[in-house]
Amino acid sequence: MESIDHTVSQQDSPYFYRRFGKRTVDVLASLLLLFLLFPALVCLSIILFIFTGSPILYKQKRAGLLNRPFKIWKFRTMQIEDIESSSHQYEWKDEVPQNFSFTTPPTLKITKLGKVYRKYSIDEIPQLWNVLKGEMSFIGPRPEMVEITNHYSAAQKKRLLVKPGITGYAQVHGRSAITHGEKITYDLYYIKHCSLLLDLKIVIRTIFIVITGKGAW
């Protein structure tokens, strides 16, 4: 695994919130939401099992802080037979192309219920466990597949200097509808300007986007 340059500029970020407050918020909020949403999680799991069978949850290796891999958890939205074939291989040489836009490969079949779960980000709820464990944060760059981060240039790797998030600055500026270059730009802006106020703005915009289902794939 290639090393990552730690010298990205974060001097403008409020140090105390970035160093201590953010993790405190993550722990308290994830515990509270897991408790409050437990009945909903049970119901969503039962519905998923009735209409699509098992497994209910799906895990996939993603790139975390400093490109360390971890297992991200989601409600399964794909056909069972497509789970093993959900990984991708790319042949880029120097970096991930700026105009690259990830879309669901045509070979993968998303269930009808899975489309609903994806549109309203219901499939992301199990990631509260990733947040509680410290592998993710509520707000941050979305965790990328390692098959993509393995091709990052030095500049692109800077988005891996913070924990990935359930939602983030790039998510509220286009979700899956923006290019990789745009996503990198938004994520690096967030890393430099991370603050409690910015996180609150992202949360508010995320709620609106989730309700409308805008930008999902």
Protein backbone atom coordinates (compact mmCIF):
# COMPACT_ATOMS: atom_id res chain seq x y z
CA MET A 1 0.00 0.00 0.00
CA GLU A 2 1.43 3.36 -1.03
CA SER A 3 2.08 5.98 1.63
CA ILE A 4 0.13 9.21 1.75
CA ASP A 5 1.56 12.69 2.00
CA HIS A 6 0.33 14.13 5.32
CA THR A 7 1.19 17.73 4.45
CA VAL A 8 -2.19 18.83 3.12
CA SER A 9 -3.04 22.26 4.52
CA GLN A 10 -5.45 22.04 7.44
CA GLN A 11 -4.20 25.06 9.35
CA ASP A 12 -7.46 26.90 8.74
CA SER A 13 -9.52 24.17 10.44
CA PRO A 14 -10.57 24.75 14.07
CA TYR A 15 -8.10 22.46 15.81
CA PHE A 16 -10.13 21.49 18.88
CA TYR A 17 -13.24 20.47 16.93
CA ARG A 18 -11.26 18.56 14.32
CA ARG A 19 -9.05 16.85 16.92
CA PHE A 20 -11.55 16.10 19.70
CA GLY A 21 -15.06 17.46 19.15
CA LYS A 22 -15.77 15.66 15.90
CA ARG A 23 -15.13 12.20 17.36
CA THR A 24 -17.17 13.03 20.46
CA VAL A 25 -20.11 14.04 18.28
CA ASP A 26 -19.70 10.86 16.20
CA VAL A 27 -19.81 8.57 19.25
CA LEU A 28 -22.73 10.26 20.98
CA ALA A 29 -24.80 10.70 17.82
CA SER A 30 -24.21 7.16 16.53
CA LEU A 31 -25.16 5.66 19.91
CA LEU A 32 -28.30 7.79 20.07
CA LEU A 33 -29.36 7.05 16.50
CA LEU A 34 -28.69 3.32 16.81
CA PHE A 35 -30.91 3.29 19.91
CA LEU A 36 -33.68 5.41 18.35
CA LEU A 37 -33.58 3.66 14.98
CA PHE A 38 -33.37 0.12 16.34
CA PRO A 39 -37.09 -0.60 15.75
CA ALA A 40 -36.79 0.82 12.22
CA LEU A 41 -33.68 -1.26 11.56
CA VAL A 42 -35.54 -4.40 12.61
CA CYS A 43 -38.51 -3.54 10.37
CA LEU A 44 -36.29 -2.68 7.41
CA SER A 45 -34.42 -5.94 7.87
CA ILE A 46 -37.63 -7.97 8.01
CA ILE A 47 -38.98 -6.27 4.88
CA LEU A 48 -35.72 -6.92 3.07
CA PHE A 49 -35.72 -10.57 4.12
CA ILE A 50 -39.33 -11.13 3.05
CA PHE A 51 -38.89 -9.61 -0.42
CA THR A 52 -35.28 -10.49 -1.27
CA GLY A 53 -34.18 -13.20 1.17
CA SER A 54 -30.84 -13.34 2.93
CA PRO A 55 -28.23 -12.07 3.50
CA ILE A 56 -29.79 -8.86 4.75
CA LEU A 57 -26.52 -6.99 5.19
CA TYR A 58 -23.74 -6.55 2.67
CA LYS A 59 -20.14 -5.70 3.45
CA GLN A 60 -17.48 -4.40 1.10
CA LYS A 61 -13.84 -3.37 1.49
CA ARG A 62 -13.38 0.39 1.27
CA ALA A 63 -10.49 2.79 1.76
CA GLY A 64 -10.51 4.50 5.13
CA LEU A 65 -8.28 7.02 6.86
CA LEU A 66 -4.82 7.10 5.23
CA ASN A 67 -6.02 4.48 2.73
CA ARG A 68 -6.34 1.78 5.41
CA PRO A 69 -8.97 -0.72 4.24
CA PHE A 70 -12.04 -1.50 6.34
CA LYS A 71 -15.36 -3.26 5.85
CA ILE A 72 -18.30 -0.95 5.19
CA TRP A 73 -21.78 -2.22 6.07
CA LYS A 74 -24.93 -1.66 4.05
CA PHE A 75 -28.35 -3.17 3.59
CA ARG A 76 -28.07 -5.48 0.58
CA THR A 77 -29.63 -3.93 -2.51
CA MET A 78 -28.22 -6.27 -5.16
CA GLN A 79 -29.38 -9.67 -6.30
CA ILE A 80 -27.73 -12.40 -4.23
CA GLU A 81 -25.87 -13.85 -7.21
CA ASP A 82 -24.27 -10.45 -7.94
CA ILE A 83 -22.67 -9.97 -4.52
CA GLU A 84 -19.43 -11.75 -5.35
CA SER A 85 -19.11 -9.99 -8.71
CA SER A 86 -19.62 -6.49 -7.32
CA SER A 87 -15.91 -5.58 -7.28
CA HIS A 88 -14.33 -3.73 -10.20
CA GLN A 89 -10.91 -3.57 -11.78
CA TYR A 90 -9.52 -0.45 -13.45
CA GLU A 91 -6.50 0.00 -15.71
CA TRP A 92 -5.66 3.67 -15.12
CA LYS A 93 -1.94 4.43 -15.03
CA ASP A 94 -1.24 7.81 -13.42
CA GLU A 95 -4.46 8.84 -11.67
CA VAL A 96 -8.20 8.41 -11.65
CA PRO A 97 -9.46 10.42 -14.66
CA GLN A 98 -11.01 13.75 -13.72
CA ASN A 99 -14.09 13.03 -15.86
CA PHE A 100 -14.67 9.58 -14.36
CA SER A 101 -18.19 9.07 -12.98
CA PHE A 102 -19.00 5.86 -11.15
CA THR A 103 -22.24 4.19 -12.18
CA THR A 104 -23.70 0.82 -11.33
CA PRO A 105 -22.34 -1.67 -13.88
CA PRO A 106 -25.06 -3.05 -16.17
CA THR A 107 -24.10 -6.60 -15.10
CA LEU A 108 -25.25 -5.90 -11.55
CA LYS A 109 -28.95 -6.26 -10.87
CA ILE A 110 -30.45 -4.00 -8.22
CA THR A 111 -33.64 -5.33 -6.65
CA LYS A 112 -36.82 -3.24 -6.82
CA LEU A 113 -36.71 -2.78 -3.07
CA GLY A 114 -32.99 -2.07 -3.30
CA LYS A 115 -33.65 0.84 -5.66
CA VAL A 116 -35.89 2.41 -3.02
CA TYR A 117 -33.32 1.81 -0.28
CA ARG A 118 -30.62 3.40 -2.43
CA LYS A 119 -32.67 6.38 -3.57
CA TYR A 120 -33.40 7.45 0.01
CA SER A 121 -30.02 6.25 1.41
CA ILE A 122 -31.74 3.69 3.63
CA ASP A 123 -29.03 1.20 2.69
CA GLU A 124 -26.45 3.44 4.40
CA ILE A 125 -28.02 3.27 7.89
CA PRO A 126 -25.90 0.28 9.04
CA GLN A 127 -22.85 2.49 8.64
CA LEU A 128 -23.74 3.97 12.01
CA TRP A 129 -21.88 0.94 13.32
CA ASN A 130 -18.81 1.95 11.29
CA VAL A 131 -19.05 5.42 12.82
CA LEU A 132 -19.32 4.04 16.36
CA LYS A 133 -16.27 1.83 15.77
CA GLY A 134 -14.26 4.84 14.61
CA GLU A 135 -13.79 3.65 11.03
CA MET A 136 -16.00 6.43 9.69
CA SER A 137 -17.36 9.81 10.69
CA PHE A 138 -20.79 11.28 10.10
CA ILE A 139 -19.29 13.94 7.84
CA GLY A 140 -16.36 13.37 5.51
CA PRO A 141 -15.46 12.20 2.02
CA ARG A 142 -17.48 9.14 1.02
CA PRO A 143 -15.44 5.93 1.46
CA GLU A 144 -14.07 4.98 -1.94
CA MET A 145 -13.49 1.47 -3.24
CA VAL A 146 -9.87 0.41 -2.87
CA GLU A 147 -9.87 -0.57 -6.54
CA ILE A 148 -10.17 3.16 -7.25
CA THR A 149 -7.94 4.62 -4.50
CA ASN A 150 -5.11 2.32 -5.62
CA HIS A 151 -4.93 4.52 -8.72
CA TYR A 152 -4.98 7.88 -6.89
CA SER A 153 -2.37 10.47 -7.74
CA ALA A 154 -0.54 12.27 -4.91
CA ALA A 155 -3.07 15.12 -5.07
CA GLN A 156 -6.07 12.77 -5.06
CA LYS A 157 -4.71 10.86 -2.05
CA LYS A 158 -5.12 13.96 0.08
CA ARG A 159 -8.85 13.22 0.38
CA LEU A 160 -7.82 10.19 2.46
CA LEU A 161 -6.32 12.37 5.21
CA VAL A 162 -9.60 12.38 7.14
CA LYS A 163 -12.03 9.62 8.02
CA PRO A 164 -14.63 8.87 5.37
CA GLY A 165 -18.18 9.94 6.16
CA ILE A 166 -21.75 8.77 5.76
CA THR A 167 -22.32 12.08 4.03
CA GLY A 168 -20.00 14.87 2.98
CA TYR A 169 -19.43 18.15 1.19
CA ALA A 170 -19.24 16.45 -2.21
CA GLN A 171 -22.41 14.48 -1.46
CA VAL A 172 -24.46 17.62 -0.95
CA HIS A 173 -23.08 19.09 -4.18
CA GLY A 174 -24.25 16.40 -6.53
CA ARG A 175 -24.17 13.04 -4.79
CA SER A 176 -23.54 10.47 -7.56
CA ALA A 177 -24.14 12.99 -10.35
CA ILE A 178 -20.73 14.71 -10.22
CA THR A 179 -17.43 13.66 -11.79
CA HIS A 180 -14.49 12.31 -9.84
CA GLY A 181 -12.57 15.53 -10.37
CA GLU A 182 -15.41 17.57 -8.90
CA LYS A 183 -15.66 15.17 -5.97
CA ILE A 184 -11.96 15.55 -5.21
CA THR A 185 -12.26 19.36 -5.33
CA TYR A 186 -15.18 19.38 -2.91
CA ASP A 187 -13.54 16.88 -0.55
CA LEU A 188 -10.26 18.81 -0.38
CA TYR A 189 -12.21 21.99 0.33
CA TYR A 190 -13.91 20.21 3.23
CA ILE A 191 -10.61 18.94 4.64
CA LYS A 192 -9.21 22.46 4.71
CA HIS A 193 -12.33 24.17 6.08
CA CYS A 194 -13.72 21.48 8.40
CA SER A 195 -15.68 23.08 11.24
CA LEU A 196 -18.76 22.49 13.36
CA LEU A 197 -20.69 25.11 11.38
CA LEU A 198 -19.78 23.53 8.04
CA ASP A 199 -20.76 20.09 9.34
CA LEU A 200 -24.14 21.41 10.48
CA LYS A 201 -24.74 22.92 7.05
CA ILE A 202 -23.89 19.58 5.42
CA VAL A 203 -26.28 17.72 7.74
CA ILE A 204 -29.13 20.09 6.90
CA ARG A 205 -28.51 19.82 3.15
CA THR A 206 -28.19 16.04 3.45
CA ILE A 207 -31.63 15.76 5.05
CA PHE A 208 -33.15 17.66 2.15
CA ILE A 209 -31.33 15.55 -0.45
CA VAL A 210 -32.31 12.28 1.22
CA ILE A 211 -35.97 13.31 1.38
CA THR A 212 -36.03 14.22 -2.30
CA GLY A 213 -33.82 11.32 -3.43
CA LYS A 214 -31.89 13.75 -5.64
CA GLY A 215 -28.67 12.52 -7.29
CA ALA A 216 -28.97 8.85 -6.32
CA TRP A 217 -28.07 6.00 -8.64
